[in-house]
Amino acid sequence: QVQLVESGGGSVQAGDSLRLSCVISGGAFSRSTIGWFRQVTGNEHEFVAGINWSDDSTRYVDSVKDRFTISRARANDKNTVYLQMNSLKPEDTAVYSCRARRPGYATILTTSPDYPYWGPGTQVTVSS
């Protein structure tokens, strides 16, 4: 059973930083891709950043380039993907969730249906 659990969200001021974490368990994701998406109520899930687990290649939506960094780590049999968010803006306010493609699917795509596994999400609120 694949599980993804996010943490690290919160309420901050514009210009502040947050680091989101996503712990992944129950699947063989060494040849897959993990993505961070965000959703504002009533809108579609927006791709934010993705990382190919096997070669560490990354991809970002233009609005977060040079501000957000996605990375991964494996320690003590725990797989974690991080999203370091700097220079936060009010328009970054959303529920952020991590999503995983099926093992073996490594291309970093930007549409949420291509990621069939996801966590419950964590709220990020940025005030001006």
Protein backbone atom coordinates (compact mmCIF):
# COMPACT_ATOMS: atom_id res chain seq x y z
CA GLN A 1 0.00 0.00 0.00
CA VAL A 2 1.59 3.25 -1.17
CA GLN A 3 1.39 6.09 1.32
CA LEU A 4 2.48 9.69 1.07
CA VAL A 5 2.31 12.03 4.05
CA GLU A 6 3.09 15.72 3.85
CA SER A 7 4.13 18.07 6.62
CA GLY A 8 5.69 21.49 7.10
CA GLY A 9 2.89 23.81 6.04
CA GLY A 10 1.87 26.87 8.02
CA SER A 11 1.01 30.56 8.02
CA VAL A 12 3.81 32.97 7.18
CA GLN A 13 4.42 36.50 5.96
CA ALA A 14 5.40 37.41 2.42
CA GLY A 15 9.13 36.95 1.95
CA ASP A 16 9.38 34.15 4.52
CA SER A 17 10.42 30.57 3.87
CA LEU A 18 8.94 27.13 4.53
CA ARG A 19 10.16 23.61 3.90
CA LEU A 20 7.60 20.97 3.09
CA SER A 21 8.34 17.28 3.55
CA CYS A 22 6.71 14.25 1.96
CA VAL A 23 7.44 10.83 3.40
CA ILE A 24 6.78 8.01 0.94
CA SER A 25 6.33 4.39 1.90
CA GLY A 26 5.02 1.16 0.47
CA GLY A 27 6.29 1.41 -3.11
CA ALA A 28 9.36 1.00 -5.29
CA PHE A 29 9.94 4.55 -6.41
CA SER A 30 13.61 4.33 -7.33
CA ARG A 31 12.61 4.55 -11.01
CA SER A 32 9.76 6.97 -10.70
CA THR A 33 8.91 10.63 -10.32
CA ILE A 34 7.53 12.54 -7.37
CA GLY A 35 5.78 15.85 -7.84
CA TRP A 36 4.50 18.65 -5.67
CA PHE A 37 1.14 20.09 -6.66
CA ARG A 38 -0.95 22.84 -5.11
CA GLN A 39 -4.62 23.58 -5.16
CA VAL A 40 -6.68 26.60 -4.29
CA THR A 41 -10.27 25.71 -3.45
CA GLY A 42 -12.30 25.45 -6.62
CA ASN A 43 -9.30 25.34 -8.93
CA GLU A 44 -7.39 22.55 -10.61
CA HIS A 45 -4.31 20.97 -9.09
CA GLU A 46 -1.35 23.01 -10.31
CA PHE A 47 2.01 21.37 -10.88
CA VAL A 48 4.70 23.11 -8.84
CA ALA A 49 7.84 20.94 -9.03
CA GLY A 50 8.88 17.39 -9.79
CA ILE A 51 11.94 15.22 -9.32
CA ASN A 52 13.05 12.06 -11.05
CA TRP A 53 14.05 9.73 -8.26
CA SER A 54 16.76 7.91 -10.21
CA ASP A 55 18.74 10.79 -11.74
CA ASP A 56 17.63 13.78 -9.63
CA SER A 57 16.51 15.75 -12.66
CA THR A 58 13.95 18.40 -11.74
CA ARG A 59 11.27 20.53 -13.32
CA TYR A 60 9.46 23.62 -12.03
CA VAL A 61 6.51 25.76 -12.99
CA ASP A 62 7.78 29.16 -14.13
CA SER A 63 6.16 31.04 -11.24
CA VAL A 64 8.36 29.31 -8.63
CA LYS A 65 11.67 29.03 -10.46
CA ASP A 66 14.54 30.57 -8.48
CA ARG A 67 12.36 30.52 -5.33
CA PHE A 68 11.49 26.85 -4.75
CA THR A 69 13.80 23.84 -4.70
CA ILE A 70 12.75 20.20 -4.77
CA SER A 71 15.08 17.53 -3.44
CA ARG A 72 14.96 13.98 -2.17
CA ALA A 73 16.61 11.91 0.51
CA ARG A 74 16.68 8.37 1.70
CA ALA A 75 17.71 7.53 5.23
CA ASN A 76 16.91 4.67 7.57
CA ASP A 77 14.67 3.06 4.91
CA LYS A 78 12.61 6.24 4.73
CA ASN A 79 12.11 8.04 1.41
CA THR A 80 11.44 11.76 1.70
CA VAL A 81 10.95 14.50 -0.86
CA TYR A 82 11.34 18.11 0.20
CA LEU A 83 10.11 21.38 -1.21
CA GLN A 84 12.12 24.34 0.03
CA MET A 85 10.07 27.48 -0.55
CA ASN A 86 11.79 30.85 -0.28
CA SER A 87 10.56 34.39 -0.91
CA LEU A 88 6.97 33.27 -0.47
CA LYS A 89 4.22 35.37 -1.99
CA PRO A 90 0.50 35.61 -1.18
CA GLU A 91 -0.25 33.90 -4.49
CA ASP A 92 1.60 30.82 -3.22
CA THR A 93 -1.23 30.26 -0.74
CA ALA A 94 -2.75 26.81 -1.39
CA VAL A 95 -2.97 23.25 -0.16
CA TYR A 96 0.24 21.54 -1.22
CA SER A 97 0.30 17.82 -1.86
CA CYS A 98 2.92 15.41 -3.05
CA ARG A 99 2.04 12.89 -5.71
CA ALA A 100 3.83 9.90 -7.13
CA ARG A 101 3.87 8.34 -10.57
CA ARG A 102 3.79 4.57 -10.84
CA PRO A 103 7.17 2.85 -10.34
CA GLY A 104 8.99 2.76 -13.68
CA TYR A 105 7.37 5.95 -14.97
CA ALA A 106 10.16 8.48 -14.71
CA THR A 107 9.15 11.35 -16.98
CA ILE A 108 8.29 14.48 -15.02
CA LEU A 109 4.82 15.29 -16.30
CA THR A 110 2.80 18.25 -15.11
CA THR A 111 -0.75 16.93 -14.99
CA SER A 112 -2.12 15.45 -11.78
CA PRO A 113 -3.89 12.43 -13.36
CA ASP A 114 -0.43 11.09 -14.28
CA TYR A 115 0.32 10.77 -10.57
CA PRO A 116 -2.06 8.14 -9.17
CA TYR A 117 -0.77 8.26 -5.60
CA TRP A 118 -1.05 11.31 -3.36
CA GLY A 119 -1.13 12.44 0.24
CA PRO A 120 -3.73 14.43 2.17
CA GLY A 121 -1.89 17.73 1.69
CA THR A 122 -0.65 20.52 3.90
CA GLN A 123 -1.93 24.11 3.97
CA VAL A 124 0.40 26.98 3.16
CA THR A 125 -0.92 30.48 3.83
CA VAL A 126 1.13 33.55 2.94
CA SER A 127 -0.02 36.95 4.18
CA SER A 128 1.02 40.26 2.65
